[in-house]
N, C-alpha and C. Protein backbone atom coordinates (compact mmCIF):
# COMPACT_ATOMS: atom_id res chain seq x y z
N MET A 1 73.84 112.97 66.93
CA MET A 1 72.68 112.15 67.22
C MET A 1 71.46 112.85 66.66
N GLN A 2 70.61 112.09 66.04
CA GLN A 2 69.39 112.63 65.48
C GLN A 2 68.23 111.78 65.95
N ILE A 3 67.19 112.45 66.40
CA ILE A 3 65.99 111.76 66.87
C ILE A 3 64.83 112.20 65.99
N THR A 4 64.07 111.24 65.54
CA THR A 4 62.89 111.55 64.74
C THR A 4 61.66 111.31 65.60
N LEU A 5 60.80 112.31 65.64
CA LEU A 5 59.61 112.22 66.46
C LEU A 5 58.42 112.67 65.63
N GLU A 6 57.45 111.82 65.51
CA GLU A 6 56.25 112.17 64.76
C GLU A 6 55.13 112.44 65.74
N LEU A 7 54.58 113.66 65.65
CA LEU A 7 53.50 114.05 66.54
C LEU A 7 52.24 114.32 65.73
N PRO A 8 51.09 113.89 66.23
CA PRO A 8 49.85 114.21 65.54
C PRO A 8 49.60 115.72 65.57
N ASP A 9 48.87 116.21 64.59
CA ASP A 9 48.59 117.65 64.51
C ASP A 9 47.87 118.16 65.76
N SER A 10 47.03 117.32 66.36
CA SER A 10 46.32 117.75 67.56
C SER A 10 47.29 118.03 68.71
N VAL A 11 48.36 117.25 68.81
CA VAL A 11 49.37 117.48 69.86
C VAL A 11 50.20 118.71 69.52
N VAL A 12 50.57 118.87 68.27
CA VAL A 12 51.37 120.02 67.84
C VAL A 12 50.62 121.32 68.13
N SER A 13 49.31 121.33 67.92
CA SER A 13 48.53 122.55 68.17
C SER A 13 48.49 122.88 69.65
N LEU A 14 48.62 121.90 70.53
CA LEU A 14 48.62 122.14 71.98
C LEU A 14 49.95 122.70 72.48
N LEU A 15 51.02 122.48 71.73
CA LEU A 15 52.35 122.91 72.18
C LEU A 15 52.53 124.42 72.15
N GLY A 16 51.87 125.09 71.24
CA GLY A 16 52.02 126.53 71.15
C GLY A 16 53.17 126.92 70.25
N ASP A 17 54.38 126.53 70.58
CA ASP A 17 55.56 126.79 69.76
C ASP A 17 55.75 125.64 68.78
N ALA A 18 56.72 125.81 67.92
CA ALA A 18 57.10 124.71 67.04
C ALA A 18 57.60 123.56 67.91
N PRO A 19 57.36 122.32 67.52
CA PRO A 19 57.80 121.17 68.35
C PRO A 19 59.28 121.19 68.66
N GLU A 20 60.11 121.60 67.69
CA GLU A 20 61.56 121.66 67.94
C GLU A 20 61.87 122.63 69.07
N ARG A 21 61.21 123.77 69.03
CA ARG A 21 61.43 124.81 70.06
C ARG A 21 60.97 124.31 71.43
N THR A 22 59.84 123.63 71.48
CA THR A 22 59.31 123.12 72.74
C THR A 22 60.25 122.08 73.33
N ILE A 23 60.73 121.18 72.50
CA ILE A 23 61.66 120.15 72.97
C ILE A 23 62.95 120.79 73.47
N TYR A 24 63.44 121.79 72.74
CA TYR A 24 64.65 122.50 73.16
C TYR A 24 64.44 123.14 74.54
N LYS A 25 63.30 123.80 74.75
CA LYS A 25 63.00 124.44 76.03
C LYS A 25 62.95 123.40 77.16
N LEU A 26 62.33 122.26 76.89
CA LEU A 26 62.22 121.22 77.92
C LEU A 26 63.60 120.66 78.30
N ILE A 27 64.41 120.42 77.30
CA ILE A 27 65.76 119.90 77.58
C ILE A 27 66.57 120.93 78.36
N LYS A 28 66.49 122.19 77.97
CA LYS A 28 67.22 123.26 78.66
C LYS A 28 66.75 123.38 80.11
N ALA A 29 65.43 123.32 80.33
CA ALA A 29 64.89 123.41 81.69
C ALA A 29 65.37 122.23 82.53
N HIS A 30 65.39 121.06 81.95
CA HIS A 30 65.86 119.88 82.69
C HIS A 30 67.33 120.01 83.07
N LEU A 31 68.15 120.46 82.14
CA LEU A 31 69.58 120.58 82.41
C LEU A 31 69.87 121.65 83.45
N SER A 32 69.12 122.73 83.44
CA SER A 32 69.36 123.79 84.43
C SER A 32 68.84 123.40 85.80
N ALA A 33 67.86 122.48 85.85
CA ALA A 33 67.32 122.04 87.14
C ALA A 33 68.22 121.03 87.83
N THR A 34 69.04 120.32 87.09
CA THR A 34 69.93 119.34 87.70
C THR A 34 71.14 120.05 88.28
N THR A 35 71.67 119.52 89.35
CA THR A 35 72.82 120.11 90.01
C THR A 35 74.08 119.78 89.23
N MET A 36 74.77 120.82 88.82
CA MET A 36 76.02 120.62 88.10
C MET A 36 77.07 121.51 88.75
N GLY A 37 78.31 121.15 88.64
CA GLY A 37 79.39 121.97 89.17
C GLY A 37 79.60 121.74 90.65
N ARG A 38 80.11 122.76 91.31
CA ARG A 38 80.42 122.66 92.73
C ARG A 38 79.15 122.55 93.56
N PRO A 39 79.20 121.80 94.63
CA PRO A 39 78.03 121.70 95.49
C PRO A 39 77.77 123.01 96.24
N ILE A 40 76.58 123.15 96.71
CA ILE A 40 76.22 124.33 97.48
C ILE A 40 77.01 124.31 98.79
N THR A 41 77.47 125.48 99.22
CA THR A 41 78.27 125.53 100.44
C THR A 41 77.40 125.24 101.66
N ASN A 42 78.02 124.72 102.66
CA ASN A 42 77.35 124.40 103.90
C ASN A 42 77.64 125.54 104.87
N SER A 43 76.77 126.53 104.90
CA SER A 43 77.00 127.76 105.66
C SER A 43 77.15 127.50 107.16
N LYS A 44 76.27 126.66 107.70
CA LYS A 44 76.31 126.38 109.14
C LYS A 44 77.63 125.70 109.51
N ARG A 45 78.02 124.70 108.73
CA ARG A 45 79.27 123.99 108.98
C ARG A 45 80.45 124.95 108.87
N ASP A 46 80.46 125.79 107.84
CA ASP A 46 81.56 126.72 107.63
C ASP A 46 81.66 127.71 108.79
N ALA A 47 80.52 128.18 109.29
CA ALA A 47 80.53 129.10 110.42
C ALA A 47 81.08 128.40 111.67
N ASP A 48 80.68 127.15 111.89
CA ASP A 48 81.19 126.39 113.04
C ASP A 48 82.71 126.20 112.94
N ILE A 49 83.19 125.92 111.74
CA ILE A 49 84.63 125.73 111.52
C ILE A 49 85.38 127.02 111.81
N ALA A 50 84.88 128.14 111.29
CA ALA A 50 85.54 129.43 111.53
C ALA A 50 85.52 129.78 113.01
N ASP A 51 84.40 129.52 113.69
CA ASP A 51 84.31 129.81 115.12
C ASP A 51 85.32 128.99 115.92
N LYS A 52 85.46 127.72 115.58
CA LYS A 52 86.43 126.88 116.29
C LYS A 52 87.86 127.35 116.05
N ALA A 53 88.15 127.74 114.81
CA ALA A 53 89.51 128.22 114.51
C ALA A 53 89.81 129.51 115.25
N VAL A 54 88.85 130.42 115.32
CA VAL A 54 89.06 131.68 116.05
C VAL A 54 89.20 131.41 117.55
N ALA A 55 88.54 130.37 118.04
CA ALA A 55 88.65 130.00 119.45
C ALA A 55 89.98 129.34 119.77
N GLY A 56 90.77 129.00 118.73
CA GLY A 56 92.09 128.46 118.97
C GLY A 56 92.28 126.99 118.65
N VAL A 57 91.26 126.35 118.14
CA VAL A 57 91.39 124.94 117.77
C VAL A 57 92.27 124.85 116.53
N ARG A 58 93.22 123.92 116.54
CA ARG A 58 94.14 123.79 115.41
C ARG A 58 93.41 123.26 114.18
N HIS A 59 93.88 123.69 113.01
CA HIS A 59 93.25 123.31 111.75
C HIS A 59 93.26 121.80 111.53
N VAL A 60 94.29 121.13 111.96
CA VAL A 60 94.37 119.68 111.76
C VAL A 60 93.27 118.97 112.56
N VAL A 61 92.96 119.46 113.75
CA VAL A 61 91.91 118.87 114.57
C VAL A 61 90.55 119.09 113.92
N ILE A 62 90.33 120.31 113.41
CA ILE A 62 89.07 120.63 112.73
C ILE A 62 88.93 119.78 111.47
N ALA A 63 90.02 119.64 110.73
CA ALA A 63 90.00 118.85 109.49
C ALA A 63 89.61 117.41 109.78
N ASN A 64 90.16 116.83 110.82
CA ASN A 64 89.82 115.45 111.18
C ASN A 64 88.37 115.33 111.64
N GLU A 65 87.89 116.33 112.37
CA GLU A 65 86.51 116.29 112.87
C GLU A 65 85.49 116.35 111.74
N TYR A 66 85.74 117.18 110.74
CA TYR A 66 84.78 117.38 109.65
C TYR A 66 85.14 116.58 108.39
N ASP A 67 86.17 115.77 108.47
CA ASP A 67 86.62 114.95 107.34
C ASP A 67 86.93 115.83 106.12
N LEU A 68 87.73 116.88 106.35
CA LEU A 68 88.16 117.79 105.31
C LEU A 68 89.68 117.83 105.28
N SER A 69 90.23 118.38 104.23
CA SER A 69 91.68 118.57 104.19
C SER A 69 92.03 119.82 104.99
N ILE A 70 93.26 119.89 105.43
CA ILE A 70 93.72 121.06 106.18
C ILE A 70 93.65 122.30 105.30
N MET A 71 93.94 122.14 104.01
CA MET A 71 93.86 123.25 103.07
C MET A 71 92.44 123.79 102.97
N ARG A 72 91.44 122.88 102.92
CA ARG A 72 90.05 123.32 102.82
C ARG A 72 89.63 124.03 104.10
N VAL A 73 90.06 123.54 105.24
CA VAL A 73 89.75 124.22 106.50
C VAL A 73 90.35 125.62 106.48
N SER A 74 91.57 125.75 106.00
CA SER A 74 92.21 127.07 105.91
C SER A 74 91.42 128.00 105.01
N GLN A 75 90.92 127.50 103.90
CA GLN A 75 90.12 128.32 102.99
C GLN A 75 88.82 128.78 103.65
N ILE A 76 88.15 127.87 104.35
CA ILE A 76 86.89 128.20 105.02
C ILE A 76 87.14 129.23 106.11
N VAL A 77 88.22 129.05 106.87
CA VAL A 77 88.54 129.99 107.94
C VAL A 77 88.87 131.36 107.37
N ALA A 78 89.61 131.40 106.28
CA ALA A 78 89.95 132.68 105.65
C ALA A 78 88.70 133.43 105.22
N GLN A 79 87.72 132.71 104.71
CA GLN A 79 86.49 133.36 104.26
C GLN A 79 85.62 133.81 105.42
N GLY A 80 85.62 133.07 106.53
CA GLY A 80 84.69 133.37 107.61
C GLY A 80 85.30 133.93 108.87
N LYS A 81 86.57 134.30 108.82
CA LYS A 81 87.27 134.75 110.03
C LYS A 81 86.68 136.03 110.60
N ALA A 82 86.40 137.01 109.76
CA ALA A 82 85.87 138.28 110.25
C ALA A 82 84.52 138.10 110.92
N ALA A 83 83.65 137.31 110.30
CA ALA A 83 82.33 137.05 110.89
C ALA A 83 82.47 136.26 112.19
N ALA A 84 83.42 135.34 112.25
CA ALA A 84 83.64 134.55 113.47
C ALA A 84 84.11 135.44 114.61
N HIS A 85 85.00 136.37 114.30
CA HIS A 85 85.45 137.32 115.34
C HIS A 85 84.27 138.14 115.85
N GLN A 86 83.41 138.59 114.95
CA GLN A 86 82.25 139.39 115.35
C GLN A 86 81.31 138.57 116.23
N ARG A 87 81.05 137.32 115.86
CA ARG A 87 80.19 136.46 116.68
C ARG A 87 80.80 136.23 118.06
N ARG A 88 82.12 136.08 118.12
CA ARG A 88 82.80 135.86 119.40
C ARG A 88 82.68 137.09 120.29
N ILE A 89 82.85 138.28 119.71
CA ILE A 89 82.71 139.53 120.47
C ILE A 89 81.28 139.67 121.01
N GLU A 90 80.30 139.40 120.15
CA GLU A 90 78.90 139.51 120.58
C GLU A 90 78.58 138.52 121.70
N LYS A 91 79.11 137.32 121.61
CA LYS A 91 78.87 136.32 122.66
C LYS A 91 79.54 136.75 123.96
N THR A 92 80.75 137.27 123.88
CA THR A 92 81.45 137.75 125.07
C THR A 92 80.68 138.88 125.73
N ASN A 93 80.21 139.83 124.91
CA ASN A 93 79.43 140.95 125.44
C ASN A 93 78.14 140.47 126.10
N ALA A 94 77.47 139.50 125.48
CA ALA A 94 76.23 138.96 126.06
C ALA A 94 76.53 138.26 127.38
N ASP A 95 77.62 137.53 127.44
CA ASP A 95 78.00 136.85 128.69
C ASP A 95 78.30 137.86 129.79
N LEU A 96 79.01 138.94 129.44
CA LEU A 96 79.32 139.97 130.44
C LEU A 96 78.06 140.67 130.92
N ARG A 97 77.12 140.94 130.01
CA ARG A 97 75.86 141.57 130.43
C ARG A 97 75.11 140.66 131.40
N ASN A 98 75.13 139.36 131.14
CA ASN A 98 74.43 138.43 132.03
C ASN A 98 75.10 138.36 133.41
N ILE A 99 76.42 138.47 133.43
CA ILE A 99 77.14 138.42 134.72
C ILE A 99 76.82 139.65 135.56
N PHE A 100 76.82 140.83 134.93
CA PHE A 100 76.66 142.07 135.67
C PHE A 100 75.24 142.59 135.69
N ARG A 101 74.30 141.79 135.22
CA ARG A 101 72.89 142.20 135.26
C ARG A 101 72.44 142.22 136.72
N PRO A 102 71.79 143.32 137.10
CA PRO A 102 71.32 143.39 138.51
C PRO A 102 70.26 142.31 138.77
N ARG A 103 70.40 141.68 139.91
CA ARG A 103 69.45 140.64 140.28
C ARG A 103 68.31 141.28 141.06
N THR A 104 67.13 140.81 140.76
CA THR A 104 65.97 141.39 141.46
C THR A 104 65.37 140.42 142.44
């Protein structure tokens, strides 16, 4: 594909670079600004899924709740299992501190 563009000299002088270079930069900037490839991960959702799996909820139940495949739930859990265990321990410790906190 070839595009012919005629620009007045006054416009060319405002561009700074050669018109071809400026057009190339604009096209490249536009393409890099558009979302391409895999979507951005949903961190909050993934953490919730891992927490539920660590709490004992079956993967099929989680998959139905979030409208995901069981395989995808397994992948998310595998990635977030360690962090989910740590959050569960911290929550348990906080609950125990609240139970045994001296009342005034």
